[in-house]
């Protein structure tokens, strides 16, 4: 599968963050869609599953942990997820992995770091915990 066929969902309530991640990913040739919270992200995932999810933790309506837990319960093709947050404490990282994240990155994320994690998870969907 080429990068252009890889669909990535960026889930973040901050428009600036979504645009930043979109510009990096589209610049690398990925197809990117956006969701402003976990509820919208879940609706999109159930409609047409993605190859990778980039998920913020703190969002209204349904946070990143809740979204991942609900996503992992669904009878749809599962894809890796990267939890992205300003929260750097070890318990936040542990909660992300318990919810179903494959990686946990702390904002701000450098473009090359983001792309390296995306490439790794799209080549090896099982990822690392």
C-alpha atoms as a PDB file:
ATOM      1  CA  UNK A   1       0.000   0.000   0.000  1.00  0.00           C
ATOM      2  CA  UNK A   2       1.444   3.375  -0.960  1.00  0.00           C
ATOM      3  CA  UNK A   3       1.439   6.301   1.459  1.00  0.00           C
ATOM      4  CA  UNK A   4      -1.235   7.978  -0.651  1.00  0.00           C
ATOM      5  CA  UNK A   5      -3.562   5.076   0.134  1.00  0.00           C
ATOM      6  CA  UNK A   6      -2.916   5.277   3.882  1.00  0.00           C
ATOM      7  CA  UNK A   7      -5.745   7.126   5.601  1.00  0.00           C
ATOM      8  CA  UNK A   8      -4.963   8.890   8.865  1.00  0.00           C
ATOM      9  CA  UNK A   9      -7.546  10.429  11.194  1.00  0.00           C
ATOM     10  CA  UNK A  10      -6.312  13.389  13.244  1.00  0.00           C
ATOM     11  CA  UNK A  11      -8.509  13.805  16.343  1.00  0.00           C
ATOM     12  CA  UNK A  12      -7.991  17.058  18.232  1.00  0.00           C
ATOM     13  CA  UNK A  13     -10.298  19.844  19.398  1.00  0.00           C
ATOM     14  CA  UNK A  14      -7.715  22.523  18.504  1.00  0.00           C
ATOM     15  CA  UNK A  15      -7.944  23.614  14.860  1.00  0.00           C
ATOM     16  CA  UNK A  16      -4.322  24.799  14.852  1.00  0.00           C
ATOM     17  CA  UNK A  17      -3.085  21.367  15.959  1.00  0.00           C
ATOM     18  CA  UNK A  18      -5.214  19.594  13.356  1.00  0.00           C
ATOM     19  CA  UNK A  19      -3.895  21.900  10.623  1.00  0.00           C
ATOM     20  CA  UNK A  20      -0.281  21.436  11.798  1.00  0.00           C
ATOM     21  CA  UNK A  21      -0.533  17.635  11.779  1.00  0.00           C
ATOM     22  CA  UNK A  22      -2.449  17.653   8.477  1.00  0.00           C
ATOM     23  CA  UNK A  23       0.197  19.779   6.754  1.00  0.00           C
ATOM     24  CA  UNK A  24       3.008  17.473   7.919  1.00  0.00           C
ATOM     25  CA  UNK A  25       1.184  14.288   6.947  1.00  0.00           C
ATOM     26  CA  UNK A  26      -0.196  15.496   3.623  1.00  0.00           C
ATOM     27  CA  UNK A  27       3.278  16.844   2.796  1.00  0.00           C
ATOM     28  CA  UNK A  28       4.513  13.254   3.207  1.00  0.00           C
ATOM     29  CA  UNK A  29       1.783  11.951   0.904  1.00  0.00           C
ATOM     30  CA  UNK A  30      -0.800  10.645   3.380  1.00  0.00           C
ATOM     31  CA  UNK A  31      -4.566  11.092   3.062  1.00  0.00           C
ATOM     32  CA  UNK A  32      -5.753  12.958   6.165  1.00  0.00           C
ATOM     33  CA  UNK A  33      -9.174  13.495   7.684  1.00  0.00           C
ATOM     34  CA  UNK A  34      -9.982  15.383  10.865  1.00  0.00           C
ATOM     35  CA  UNK A  35     -12.346  15.057  13.821  1.00  0.00           C
ATOM     36  CA  UNK A  36     -12.870  17.628  16.578  1.00  0.00           C
ATOM     37  CA  UNK A  37     -13.660  15.148  19.369  1.00  0.00           C
ATOM     38  CA  UNK A  38     -13.956  11.443  20.144  1.00  0.00           C
ATOM     39  CA  UNK A  39     -17.620  11.221  19.162  1.00  0.00           C
ATOM     40  CA  UNK A  40     -17.019  12.603  15.663  1.00  0.00           C
ATOM     41  CA  UNK A  41     -13.921  10.399  15.343  1.00  0.00           C
ATOM     42  CA  UNK A  42     -15.866   7.273  16.306  1.00  0.00           C
ATOM     43  CA  UNK A  43     -18.602   8.069  13.783  1.00  0.00           C
ATOM     44  CA  UNK A  44     -15.995   8.485  11.025  1.00  0.00           C
ATOM     45  CA  UNK A  45     -14.143   5.305  12.033  1.00  0.00           C
ATOM     46  CA  UNK A  46     -17.337   3.243  12.056  1.00  0.00           C
ATOM     47  CA  UNK A  47     -18.285   4.606   8.648  1.00  0.00           C
ATOM     48  CA  UNK A  48     -14.905   3.920   7.025  1.00  0.00           C
ATOM     49  CA  UNK A  49     -12.040   2.657   9.246  1.00  0.00           C
ATOM     50  CA  UNK A  50      -8.653   4.347   9.020  1.00  0.00           C
ATOM     51  CA  UNK A  51      -5.102   2.980   8.797  1.00  0.00           C
ATOM     52  CA  UNK A  52      -3.863   5.125  11.696  1.00  0.00           C
ATOM     53  CA  UNK A  53      -5.344   7.388  14.379  1.00  0.00           C
ATOM     54  CA  UNK A  54      -3.585  10.409  15.936  1.00  0.00           C
ATOM     55  CA  UNK A  55      -5.558  11.180  19.074  1.00  0.00           C
ATOM     56  CA  UNK A  56      -5.435  14.093  21.505  1.00  0.00           C
ATOM     57  CA  UNK A  57      -6.210  13.290  25.142  1.00  0.00           C
ATOM     58  CA  UNK A  58      -8.148  16.333  26.354  1.00  0.00           C
ATOM     59  CA  UNK A  59     -11.247  16.976  24.226  1.00  0.00           C
ATOM     60  CA  UNK A  60     -14.881  17.834  24.961  1.00  0.00           C
ATOM     61  CA  UNK A  61     -17.728  15.287  24.691  1.00  0.00           C
ATOM     62  CA  UNK A  62     -15.472  12.197  24.474  1.00  0.00           C
ATOM     63  CA  UNK A  63     -11.780  12.396  25.351  1.00  0.00           C
ATOM     64  CA  UNK A  64      -8.982  10.467  23.694  1.00  0.00           C
ATOM     65  CA  UNK A  65      -8.975   7.649  26.255  1.00  0.00           C
ATOM     66  CA  UNK A  66     -12.724   7.129  25.861  1.00  0.00           C
ATOM     67  CA  UNK A  67     -12.472   7.222  22.080  1.00  0.00           C
ATOM     68  CA  UNK A  68      -9.741   4.567  21.990  1.00  0.00           C
ATOM     69  CA  UNK A  69     -11.525   2.298  24.463  1.00  0.00           C
ATOM     70  CA  UNK A  70     -14.720   2.518  22.409  1.00  0.00           C
ATOM     71  CA  UNK A  71     -12.859   2.082  19.103  1.00  0.00           C
ATOM     72  CA  UNK A  72     -11.143  -1.072  20.373  1.00  0.00           C
ATOM     73  CA  UNK A  73     -14.545  -2.585  21.300  1.00  0.00           C
ATOM     74  CA  UNK A  74     -15.893  -2.232  17.759  1.00  0.00           C
ATOM     75  CA  UNK A  75     -16.184  -5.053  15.246  1.00  0.00           C
ATOM     76  CA  UNK A  76     -14.219  -3.148  12.599  1.00  0.00           C
ATOM     77  CA  UNK A  77     -10.685  -3.557  11.242  1.00  0.00           C
ATOM     78  CA  UNK A  78      -8.427  -2.230  13.986  1.00  0.00           C
ATOM     79  CA  UNK A  79      -5.582   0.165  13.243  1.00  0.00           C
ATOM     80  CA  UNK A  80      -2.763   1.540  15.365  1.00  0.00           C
ATOM     81  CA  UNK A  81      -3.240   4.731  17.348  1.00  0.00           C
ATOM     82  CA  UNK A  82      -0.833   7.385  18.592  1.00  0.00           C
ATOM     83  CA  UNK A  83      -2.005   9.295  21.661  1.00  0.00           C
ATOM     84  CA  UNK A  84      -0.736  12.873  21.590  1.00  0.00           C
ATOM     85  CA  UNK A  85      -0.962  15.093  24.654  1.00  0.00           C
ATOM     86  CA  UNK A  86       0.558  17.916  26.647  1.00  0.00           C
ATOM     87  CA  UNK A  87       0.342  15.565  29.659  1.00  0.00           C
ATOM     88  CA  UNK A  88       3.788  14.072  30.300  1.00  0.00           C
ATOM     89  CA  UNK A  89       3.231  12.104  33.528  1.00  0.00           C
ATOM     90  CA  UNK A  90       3.798   8.345  33.548  1.00  0.00           C
ATOM     91  CA  UNK A  91       0.206   7.673  34.660  1.00  0.00           C
ATOM     92  CA  UNK A  92      -1.071   9.495  31.531  1.00  0.00           C
ATOM     93  CA  UNK A  93       1.118   7.294  29.358  1.00  0.00           C
ATOM     94  CA  UNK A  94      -0.119   4.171  31.202  1.00  0.00           C
ATOM     95  CA  UNK A  95      -3.765   5.219  30.753  1.00  0.00           C
ATOM     96  CA  UNK A  96      -3.154   5.696  27.019  1.00  0.00           C
ATOM     97  CA  UNK A  97      -1.728   2.201  26.623  1.00  0.00           C
ATOM     98  CA  UNK A  98      -4.551   0.696  28.703  1.00  0.00           C
ATOM     99  CA  UNK A  99      -7.062   2.433  26.407  1.00  0.00           C
ATOM    100  CA  UNK A 100      -5.441   0.908  23.317  1.00  0.00           C
ATOM    101  CA  UNK A 101      -2.717   3.317  22.152  1.00  0.00           C
ATOM    102  CA  UNK A 102       0.390   1.985  20.410  1.00  0.00           C
ATOM    103  CA  UNK A 103       2.534   5.060  21.122  1.00  0.00           C
ATOM    104  CA  UNK A 104       2.287   8.093  23.391  1.00  0.00           C
ATOM    105  CA  UNK A 105       3.845  11.373  22.264  1.00  0.00           C
ATOM    106  CA  UNK A 106       4.066  14.627  24.211  1.00  0.00           C
ATOM    107  CA  UNK A 107       3.273  17.937  22.475  1.00  0.00           C
ATOM    108  CA  UNK A 108       4.815  19.799  20.800  1.00  0.00           C
ATOM    109  CA  UNK A 109       5.837  17.149  18.301  1.00  0.00           C
ATOM    110  CA  UNK A 110       8.550  17.753  15.749  1.00  0.00           C
ATOM    111  CA  UNK A 111       7.537  16.910  12.160  1.00  0.00           C
ATOM    112  CA  UNK A 112      10.225  14.247  11.705  1.00  0.00           C
ATOM    113  CA  UNK A 113       9.232  12.570  14.994  1.00  0.00           C
ATOM    114  CA  UNK A 114       5.580  12.469  13.947  1.00  0.00           C
ATOM    115  CA  UNK A 115       6.411  11.036  10.521  1.00  0.00           C
ATOM    116  CA  UNK A 116       8.784   8.427  11.967  1.00  0.00           C
ATOM    117  CA  UNK A 117       6.077   7.080  14.293  1.00  0.00           C
ATOM    118  CA  UNK A 118       3.463   7.112  11.532  1.00  0.00           C
ATOM    119  CA  UNK A 119       5.726   5.262   9.103  1.00  0.00           C
ATOM    120  CA  UNK A 120       6.649   2.678  11.728  1.00  0.00           C
ATOM    121  CA  UNK A 121       3.023   1.954  12.646  1.00  0.00           C
ATOM    122  CA  UNK A 122       1.853   1.856   9.045  1.00  0.00           C
ATOM    123  CA  UNK A 123       4.602  -0.609   8.106  1.00  0.00           C
ATOM    124  CA  UNK A 124       4.215  -2.660  11.319  1.00  0.00           C
ATOM    125  CA  UNK A 125       0.591  -2.120  12.448  1.00  0.00           C
ATOM    126  CA  UNK A 126       1.113  -4.053  15.685  1.00  0.00           C
ATOM    127  CA  UNK A 127       3.467  -1.267  16.730  1.00  0.00           C
ATOM    128  CA  UNK A 128       5.140  -1.031  20.101  1.00  0.00           C
ATOM    129  CA  UNK A 129       3.584  -0.476  23.484  1.00  0.00           C
END
